[in-house]
Amino acid sequence: MEDLTQEEWVSQLKNDDNAVILDVRTEDEVADGIIENAIHIDIYKGQGFINELEELDKNKNYYVYCRSGNRSGQACNIMEQLGFDNAYNLEGGILEWEGDLVDLD
């Protein structure tokens, strides 16, 4: 797992053909907007979260974020334990995000 600043996260993501963006916030938080093309899996689902992670391709590079960077850090650690090769945590989370957000509707 690696913590990346927003600049590093965006720059690395832009040049990564094997990237997947993962949002681990709650449904209510996601209702405020989500980073474009992100997959949403709520970390608070417990075993359900792990089950959904297990269905993902472990060879992809995951760019993970939450509201402030704490839960996404935990998610990256869980992903590492499950055998994911690369998980990158967005420091500061969506609170410090300066890019665009899209509605899921």
C-alpha atoms as a PDB file:
ATOM      1  CA  MET A   1       0.000   0.000   0.000  1.00  0.00           C
ATOM      2  CA  GLU A   2       1.185   3.482  -0.759  1.00  0.00           C
ATOM      3  CA  ASP A   3      -0.205   6.831   0.403  1.00  0.00           C
ATOM      4  CA  LEU A   4      -0.234   9.330  -2.439  1.00  0.00           C
ATOM      5  CA  THR A   5      -0.922  13.053  -2.406  1.00  0.00           C
ATOM      6  CA  GLN A   6      -3.710  14.182  -4.695  1.00  0.00           C
ATOM      7  CA  GLU A   7      -1.157  15.343  -7.276  1.00  0.00           C
ATOM      8  CA  GLU A   8       0.706  12.000  -7.229  1.00  0.00           C
ATOM      9  CA  TRP A   9      -2.570  10.034  -7.273  1.00  0.00           C
ATOM     10  CA  VAL A  10      -3.979  11.938 -10.267  1.00  0.00           C
ATOM     11  CA  SER A  11      -0.701  11.921 -12.180  1.00  0.00           C
ATOM     12  CA  GLN A  12      -0.077   8.210 -11.640  1.00  0.00           C
ATOM     13  CA  LEU A  13      -3.711   7.353 -12.422  1.00  0.00           C
ATOM     14  CA  LYS A  14      -3.600   9.283 -15.697  1.00  0.00           C
ATOM     15  CA  ASN A  15      -0.643   7.241 -16.939  1.00  0.00           C
ATOM     16  CA  ASP A  16      -1.895   3.860 -15.716  1.00  0.00           C
ATOM     17  CA  ASP A  17      -3.583   1.615 -18.302  1.00  0.00           C
ATOM     18  CA  ASN A  18      -4.279  -0.971 -15.599  1.00  0.00           C
ATOM     19  CA  ALA A  19      -6.050   1.371 -13.157  1.00  0.00           C
ATOM     20  CA  VAL A  20      -9.287   0.940 -11.221  1.00  0.00           C
ATOM     21  CA  ILE A  21     -10.690   3.703  -8.974  1.00  0.00           C
ATOM     22  CA  LEU A  22     -12.333   2.384  -5.809  1.00  0.00           C
ATOM     23  CA  ASP A  23     -14.612   4.457  -3.548  1.00  0.00           C
ATOM     24  CA  VAL A  24     -15.059   2.857  -0.092  1.00  0.00           C
ATOM     25  CA  ARG A  25     -17.446   5.463   1.377  1.00  0.00           C
ATOM     26  CA  THR A  26     -21.026   4.892   2.556  1.00  0.00           C
ATOM     27  CA  GLU A  27     -24.067   5.207   0.272  1.00  0.00           C
ATOM     28  CA  ASP A  28     -24.942   8.564   1.878  1.00  0.00           C
ATOM     29  CA  GLU A  29     -21.466   9.929   1.216  1.00  0.00           C
ATOM     30  CA  VAL A  30     -21.501   8.714  -2.386  1.00  0.00           C
ATOM     31  CA  ALA A  31     -24.808  10.545  -2.902  1.00  0.00           C
ATOM     32  CA  ASP A  32     -22.782  13.796  -2.694  1.00  0.00           C
ATOM     33  CA  GLY A  33     -20.809  12.769  -5.783  1.00  0.00           C
ATOM     34  CA  ILE A  34     -18.209  10.225  -6.857  1.00  0.00           C
ATOM     35  CA  ILE A  35     -14.982  10.422  -8.850  1.00  0.00           C
ATOM     36  CA  GLU A  36     -15.769   9.540 -12.458  1.00  0.00           C
ATOM     37  CA  ASN A  37     -15.505   5.814 -13.341  1.00  0.00           C
ATOM     38  CA  ALA A  38     -15.078   4.776  -9.683  1.00  0.00           C
ATOM     39  CA  ILE A  39     -16.394   1.467  -8.389  1.00  0.00           C
ATOM     40  CA  HIS A  40     -18.242   1.852  -5.087  1.00  0.00           C
ATOM     41  CA  ILE A  41     -17.824  -0.777  -2.356  1.00  0.00           C
ATOM     42  CA  ASP A  42     -18.737   0.388   1.179  1.00  0.00           C
ATOM     43  CA  ILE A  43     -15.998  -0.641   3.636  1.00  0.00           C
ATOM     44  CA  TYR A  44     -18.614  -0.745   6.420  1.00  0.00           C
ATOM     45  CA  LYS A  45     -20.240  -3.798   4.786  1.00  0.00           C
ATOM     46  CA  GLY A  46     -17.787  -5.957   6.755  1.00  0.00           C
ATOM     47  CA  GLN A  47     -17.642  -9.438   5.231  1.00  0.00           C
ATOM     48  CA  GLY A  48     -19.675  -8.150   2.283  1.00  0.00           C
ATOM     49  CA  PHE A  49     -16.851  -5.693   1.570  1.00  0.00           C
ATOM     50  CA  ILE A  50     -14.306  -8.517   1.578  1.00  0.00           C
ATOM     51  CA  ASN A  51     -16.555 -10.693  -0.606  1.00  0.00           C
ATOM     52  CA  GLU A  52     -16.866  -7.914  -3.196  1.00  0.00           C
ATOM     53  CA  LEU A  53     -13.111  -7.273  -3.120  1.00  0.00           C
ATOM     54  CA  GLU A  54     -12.486 -10.972  -3.749  1.00  0.00           C
ATOM     55  CA  GLU A  55     -14.402 -10.657  -7.040  1.00  0.00           C
ATOM     56  CA  LEU A  56     -12.013  -7.965  -8.340  1.00  0.00           C
ATOM     57  CA  ASP A  57      -8.930  -8.615 -10.485  1.00  0.00           C
ATOM     58  CA  LYS A  58      -5.987  -8.638  -8.065  1.00  0.00           C
ATOM     59  CA  ASN A  59      -3.538  -7.789 -10.850  1.00  0.00           C
ATOM     60  CA  LYS A  60      -5.055  -4.351 -11.471  1.00  0.00           C
ATOM     61  CA  ASN A  61      -3.779  -1.163  -9.809  1.00  0.00           C
ATOM     62  CA  TYR A  62      -6.364   0.213  -7.373  1.00  0.00           C
ATOM     63  CA  TYR A  63      -6.664   3.906  -6.564  1.00  0.00           C
ATOM     64  CA  VAL A  64      -8.685   3.951  -3.359  1.00  0.00           C
ATOM     65  CA  TYR A  65     -10.385   6.865  -1.644  1.00  0.00           C
ATOM     66  CA  CYS A  66     -12.897   7.678   1.084  1.00  0.00           C
ATOM     67  CA  ARG A  67     -13.981  10.868   2.821  1.00  0.00           C
ATOM     68  CA  SER A  68     -10.713  11.748   4.608  1.00  0.00           C
ATOM     69  CA  GLY A  69      -8.194   9.038   3.737  1.00  0.00           C
ATOM     70  CA  ASN A  70      -8.538   6.870   6.868  1.00  0.00           C
ATOM     71  CA  ARG A  71     -10.961   4.193   5.686  1.00  0.00           C
ATOM     72  CA  SER A  72      -9.283   4.020   2.287  1.00  0.00           C
ATOM     73  CA  GLY A  73      -5.981   3.392   4.075  1.00  0.00           C
ATOM     74  CA  GLN A  74      -7.642   0.531   5.962  1.00  0.00           C
ATOM     75  CA  ALA A  75      -9.126  -0.752   2.697  1.00  0.00           C
ATOM     76  CA  CYS A  76      -5.676  -0.752   1.073  1.00  0.00           C
ATOM     77  CA  ASN A  77      -4.295  -2.785   3.982  1.00  0.00           C
ATOM     78  CA  ILE A  78      -7.144  -5.296   3.689  1.00  0.00           C
ATOM     79  CA  MET A  79      -6.548  -5.515  -0.063  1.00  0.00           C
ATOM     80  CA  GLU A  80      -2.859  -6.225   0.529  1.00  0.00           C
ATOM     81  CA  GLN A  81      -3.763  -9.032   2.938  1.00  0.00           C
ATOM     82  CA  LEU A  82      -6.091 -10.473   0.280  1.00  0.00           C
ATOM     83  CA  GLY A  83      -3.247 -10.579  -2.240  1.00  0.00           C
ATOM     84  CA  PHE A  84      -3.786  -7.428  -4.297  1.00  0.00           C
ATOM     85  CA  ASP A  85      -0.525  -6.287  -5.901  1.00  0.00           C
ATOM     86  CA  ASN A  86      -1.057  -2.513  -5.906  1.00  0.00           C
ATOM     87  CA  ALA A  87      -3.376  -0.320  -3.846  1.00  0.00           C
ATOM     88  CA  TYR A  88      -2.855   3.432  -3.629  1.00  0.00           C
ATOM     89  CA  ASN A  89      -4.528   5.510  -0.933  1.00  0.00           C
ATOM     90  CA  LEU A  90      -5.614   9.083  -1.688  1.00  0.00           C
ATOM     91  CA  GLU A  91      -4.305  11.193   1.206  1.00  0.00           C
ATOM     92  CA  GLY A  92      -6.927  13.607   2.500  1.00  0.00           C
ATOM     93  CA  GLY A  93      -9.712  11.761   0.675  1.00  0.00           C
ATOM     94  CA  ILE A  94     -12.629  13.448  -1.029  1.00  0.00           C
ATOM     95  CA  LEU A  95     -12.465  16.345   1.482  1.00  0.00           C
ATOM     96  CA  GLU A  96      -9.296  17.580  -0.195  1.00  0.00           C
ATOM     97  CA  TRP A  97     -10.219  16.458  -3.727  1.00  0.00           C
ATOM     98  CA  GLU A  98      -9.995  19.303  -6.227  1.00  0.00           C
ATOM     99  CA  GLY A  99     -11.134  17.346  -9.282  1.00  0.00           C
ATOM    100  CA  ASP A 100     -14.639  16.887 -10.615  1.00  0.00           C
ATOM    101  CA  LEU A 101     -17.283  14.657  -9.079  1.00  0.00           C
ATOM    102  CA  VAL A 102     -20.191  13.042 -10.882  1.00  0.00           C
ATOM    103  CA  ASP A 103     -23.616  11.981  -9.614  1.00  0.00           C
ATOM    104  CA  LEU A 104     -24.461   8.284  -9.723  1.00  0.00           C
ATOM    105  CA  ASP A 105     -28.019   8.975 -10.836  1.00  0.00           C
END
